[in-house]
């Protein structure tokens, strides 16, 4: 009998631990499944990087693993375009440049292009091309998960915890939409906190705002604020979206394959050709005028103007309501 009770307690604790672990993994997989449901999207967002003193507007088009990303040009940033097609990446590292590079996805050129699946927003502090949603959620690479429930703004929030040696990961997940409200890492020399807001239900599974803060000791490595301005889930993209035609290149731009250190053609407006295209001065001016304001930039500006107008209208309406209240 004296051996039975300790054995029973040990088995009971094992079952409780297993139940907690299974529940934690189920929550993390729920987050993954909700985000993977979104197989085609266009998202526009503004990223302010306090540690660099830089604000960048970005557009990401995604369709079944293909990614087109554009960092819009502004007064302090030259802009950039990149296109991921599985085993190759096209990079135009300067918005006004005449050169496009064809590189490997694992190359430093692809890494510097800042292209990634935007469905990772709010799940991690570091987003890059070779990382995916599952990597962010850790359940395949770590053990020792547990879960508890806490109250946050009057709602039940599941806190999934993973302790790996001296590192503690926490995921704050709200059901039933599996919103990740916070991700936190506490480690001896590193602290990471990623917090997300979900104020626009039509943007789901994307958050509307993400705050990323990472320190290494007393050094701030990341201090970023991402504000999503629009999300679309199109039935289909135009055929040229995931081709270099979407780069809106100047005539006779060169495309070089850096994997073999060789130029592979000149852009003639529709395709790559072996030799530069000749045209008159008037034709050249017309071409340059056509590419100054590509359609997607106009759309983004209209969206931002509309959003600003709606905010002003809402503020005026709120003021009027307060004045007219009895």
Foldseek 3Di string as FASTA:
>chain_A
DVVVVVVVVVVVVVVQQVVQQVVLVVLLVLLVVFLVVQQWKKWWKWKQWPVVRDIWIKIWTGHRLKIWMKTDDDPVAQIWIKIDDDQWMWIDRGLQALEIEIEGCPDPRQFVRQDADCSCAQQDQDGHHVDDSVVSSCPVPADRKGWDWDADPNAIWIWIWGDDPQKIWIWTFGDDSRATQWIWIDHPFKTKIKGFAAPDVVQPPDTQKIFIWMGGHPRTDTTMIMGILDMDRDPDDPPCCNPCLVSLHQAQRWYAYPVVGGTDAGDHNPDGDNDGDDDDPVVNVVSVVQSPQDPVNVVVVVSVVVVVVVVVVVVVVVVVCVVPDD
